[in-house]
Amino acid sequence: MQHPDSRALLSISKQIEFLIDLDKGVVQDASRLREITIGVLTAREVEPLDESAAELFYKIASEASRM
């Protein structure tokens, strides 16, 4: 991770871990899906720094909205 101290990136990382655990069935409670803010954080913090990463995060956010 290029910006390890970025709170936004740490939050995105934790959210992605939650989504993976939910997808794998490790987590059963999907109520936290409404708390996913990957898209917003990406627009504010990631896109200005790294468009490639932003594109990937937007895809993840889109998939999360369909879960």
N, C-alpha and C. Protein backbone atom coordinates (compact mmCIF):
# COMPACT_ATOMS: atom_id res chain seq x y z
N MET A 1 0.85 -1.17 0.00
CA MET A 1 0.00 0.00 0.00
C MET A 1 0.89 1.24 0.00
N GLN A 2 0.68 2.11 -0.96
CA GLN A 2 1.54 3.27 -1.13
C GLN A 2 1.34 4.32 -0.03
N HIS A 3 0.16 4.42 0.51
CA HIS A 3 -0.17 5.41 1.53
C HIS A 3 -0.70 4.69 2.77
N PRO A 4 0.15 4.00 3.51
CA PRO A 4 -0.31 3.16 4.62
C PRO A 4 -0.96 3.92 5.76
N ASP A 5 -0.73 5.23 5.86
CA ASP A 5 -1.33 6.00 6.94
C ASP A 5 -2.68 6.61 6.56
N SER A 6 -3.13 6.39 5.36
CA SER A 6 -4.38 6.95 4.91
C SER A 6 -5.56 6.27 5.59
N ARG A 7 -6.31 7.05 6.34
CA ARG A 7 -7.49 6.50 7.03
C ARG A 7 -8.51 5.99 6.03
N ALA A 8 -8.63 6.69 4.89
CA ALA A 8 -9.58 6.26 3.87
C ALA A 8 -9.20 4.89 3.32
N LEU A 9 -7.92 4.69 3.03
CA LEU A 9 -7.50 3.39 2.50
C LEU A 9 -7.65 2.29 3.54
N LEU A 10 -7.39 2.59 4.77
CA LEU A 10 -7.59 1.59 5.83
C LEU A 10 -9.06 1.23 5.95
N SER A 11 -9.93 2.22 5.84
CA SER A 11 -11.37 1.96 5.90
C SER A 11 -11.82 1.13 4.71
N ILE A 12 -11.34 1.48 3.52
CA ILE A 12 -11.69 0.71 2.32
C ILE A 12 -11.22 -0.74 2.48
N SER A 13 -10.02 -0.92 2.99
CA SER A 13 -9.48 -2.26 3.20
C SER A 13 -10.36 -3.08 4.14
N LYS A 14 -10.77 -2.48 5.24
CA LYS A 14 -11.63 -3.19 6.20
C LYS A 14 -12.99 -3.52 5.58
N GLN A 15 -13.51 -2.59 4.78
CA GLN A 15 -14.79 -2.84 4.13
C GLN A 15 -14.70 -3.97 3.12
N ILE A 16 -13.60 -4.00 2.39
CA ILE A 16 -13.40 -5.09 1.42
C ILE A 16 -13.26 -6.43 2.15
N GLU A 17 -12.55 -6.44 3.25
CA GLU A 17 -12.44 -7.67 4.05
C GLU A 17 -13.82 -8.14 4.50
N PHE A 18 -14.67 -7.22 4.94
CA PHE A 18 -16.03 -7.57 5.33
C PHE A 18 -16.79 -8.18 4.16
N LEU A 19 -16.69 -7.56 2.98
CA LEU A 19 -17.40 -8.06 1.80
C LEU A 19 -16.92 -9.45 1.42
N ILE A 20 -15.64 -9.68 1.50
CA ILE A 20 -15.10 -11.02 1.20
C ILE A 20 -15.63 -12.03 2.20
N ASP A 21 -15.60 -11.68 3.48
CA ASP A 21 -16.11 -12.59 4.51
C ASP A 21 -17.60 -12.86 4.33
N LEU A 22 -18.35 -11.85 3.94
CA LEU A 22 -19.78 -12.03 3.70
C LEU A 22 -19.99 -12.96 2.51
N ASP A 23 -19.23 -12.75 1.45
CA ASP A 23 -19.34 -13.58 0.25
C ASP A 23 -18.98 -15.03 0.54
N LYS A 24 -17.97 -15.24 1.40
CA LYS A 24 -17.53 -16.60 1.73
C LYS A 24 -18.43 -17.28 2.76
N GLY A 25 -19.33 -16.50 3.37
CA GLY A 25 -20.20 -17.07 4.40
C GLY A 25 -19.60 -17.02 5.78
N VAL A 26 -18.43 -16.42 5.94
CA VAL A 26 -17.79 -16.30 7.24
C VAL A 26 -18.62 -15.36 8.12
N VAL A 27 -19.18 -14.33 7.51
CA VAL A 27 -20.06 -13.38 8.18
C VAL A 27 -21.47 -13.62 7.67
N GLN A 28 -22.43 -13.72 8.56
CA GLN A 28 -23.81 -13.97 8.17
C GLN A 28 -24.66 -12.71 8.17
N ASP A 29 -24.28 -11.73 8.97
CA ASP A 29 -25.08 -10.51 9.14
C ASP A 29 -24.76 -9.50 8.04
N ALA A 30 -25.67 -9.37 7.09
CA ALA A 30 -25.46 -8.46 5.97
C ALA A 30 -25.93 -7.04 6.26
N SER A 31 -26.38 -6.77 7.46
CA SER A 31 -26.91 -5.44 7.78
C SER A 31 -25.86 -4.34 7.64
N ARG A 32 -24.60 -4.69 7.74
CA ARG A 32 -23.53 -3.69 7.60
C ARG A 32 -23.33 -3.24 6.16
N LEU A 33 -23.98 -3.91 5.21
CA LEU A 33 -23.84 -3.51 3.81
C LEU A 33 -24.25 -2.06 3.60
N ARG A 34 -25.22 -1.59 4.36
CA ARG A 34 -25.67 -0.20 4.20
C ARG A 34 -24.62 0.80 4.68
N GLU A 35 -23.61 0.31 5.39
CA GLU A 35 -22.54 1.17 5.89
C GLU A 35 -21.33 1.24 4.95
N ILE A 36 -21.39 0.53 3.83
CA ILE A 36 -20.28 0.51 2.89
C ILE A 36 -20.16 1.87 2.21
N THR A 37 -18.97 2.45 2.32
CA THR A 37 -18.73 3.79 1.77
C THR A 37 -17.52 3.80 0.82
N ILE A 38 -17.26 2.66 0.22
CA ILE A 38 -16.09 2.54 -0.66
C ILE A 38 -16.15 3.55 -1.80
N GLY A 39 -17.31 3.70 -2.42
CA GLY A 39 -17.44 4.61 -3.54
C GLY A 39 -17.17 6.06 -3.16
N VAL A 40 -17.74 6.49 -2.05
CA VAL A 40 -17.55 7.87 -1.57
C VAL A 40 -16.09 8.11 -1.22
N LEU A 41 -15.50 7.19 -0.47
CA LEU A 41 -14.09 7.34 -0.08
C LEU A 41 -13.18 7.35 -1.31
N THR A 42 -13.52 6.52 -2.27
CA THR A 42 -12.72 6.47 -3.49
C THR A 42 -12.77 7.80 -4.23
N ALA A 43 -13.97 8.36 -4.36
CA ALA A 43 -14.12 9.64 -5.06
C ALA A 43 -13.34 10.75 -4.37
N ARG A 44 -13.40 10.76 -3.06
CA ARG A 44 -12.76 11.84 -2.30
C ARG A 44 -11.25 11.67 -2.15
N GLU A 45 -10.82 10.45 -1.89
CA GLU A 45 -9.43 10.24 -1.46
C GLU A 45 -8.54 9.48 -2.44
N VAL A 46 -9.11 8.54 -3.18
CA VAL A 46 -8.28 7.65 -4.00
C VAL A 46 -8.14 8.14 -5.43
N GLU A 47 -9.24 8.54 -6.03
CA GLU A 47 -9.21 8.91 -7.44
C GLU A 47 -8.17 9.99 -7.76
N PRO A 48 -8.02 11.02 -6.92
CA PRO A 48 -6.99 12.02 -7.23
C PRO A 48 -5.56 11.47 -7.20
N LEU A 49 -5.36 10.37 -6.50
CA LEU A 49 -4.02 9.81 -6.34
C LEU A 49 -3.70 8.68 -7.32
N ASP A 50 -4.72 7.85 -7.62
CA ASP A 50 -4.47 6.64 -8.40
C ASP A 50 -5.75 6.22 -9.13
N GLU A 51 -5.83 6.56 -10.41
CA GLU A 51 -7.04 6.24 -11.17
C GLU A 51 -7.27 4.74 -11.34
N SER A 52 -6.20 3.98 -11.45
CA SER A 52 -6.34 2.53 -11.61
C SER A 52 -6.96 1.90 -10.36
N ALA A 53 -6.46 2.29 -9.21
CA ALA A 53 -7.02 1.78 -7.95
C ALA A 53 -8.46 2.25 -7.80
N ALA A 54 -8.72 3.50 -8.16
CA ALA A 54 -10.08 4.03 -8.06
C ALA A 54 -11.05 3.22 -8.91
N GLU A 55 -10.64 2.87 -10.12
CA GLU A 55 -11.50 2.08 -10.99
C GLU A 55 -11.84 0.73 -10.36
N LEU A 56 -10.85 0.09 -9.77
CA LEU A 56 -11.07 -1.18 -9.10
C LEU A 56 -12.02 -1.02 -7.91
N PHE A 57 -11.80 0.00 -7.10
CA PHE A 57 -12.65 0.23 -5.94
C PHE A 57 -14.08 0.56 -6.35
N TYR A 58 -14.27 1.29 -7.45
CA TYR A 58 -15.62 1.58 -7.94
C TYR A 58 -16.33 0.29 -8.35
N LYS A 59 -15.59 -0.63 -8.96
CA LYS A 59 -16.18 -1.92 -9.34
C LYS A 59 -16.61 -2.70 -8.10
N ILE A 60 -15.77 -2.68 -7.08
CA ILE A 60 -16.10 -3.36 -5.82
C ILE A 60 -17.33 -2.72 -5.18
N ALA A 61 -17.38 -1.40 -5.18
CA ALA A 61 -18.54 -0.69 -4.60
C ALA A 61 -19.81 -1.04 -5.35
N SER A 62 -19.70 -1.15 -6.67
CA SER A 62 -20.86 -1.51 -7.48
C SER A 62 -21.35 -2.91 -7.14
N GLU A 63 -20.43 -3.84 -7.01
CA GLU A 63 -20.80 -5.21 -6.64
C GLU A 63 -21.43 -5.24 -5.24
N ALA A 64 -20.87 -4.47 -4.33
CA ALA A 64 -21.40 -4.43 -2.95
C ALA A 64 -22.84 -3.93 -2.94
N SER A 65 -23.16 -3.01 -3.82
CA SER A 65 -24.52 -2.46 -3.85
C SER A 65 -25.53 -3.49 -4.35
N ARG A 66 -25.04 -4.54 -5.00
CA ARG A 66 -25.92 -5.61 -5.49
C ARG A 66 -26.02 -6.80 -4.54
N MET A 67 -25.29 -6.74 -3.44
CA MET A 67 -25.29 -7.87 -2.50
C MET A 67 -26.52 -7.82 -1.61
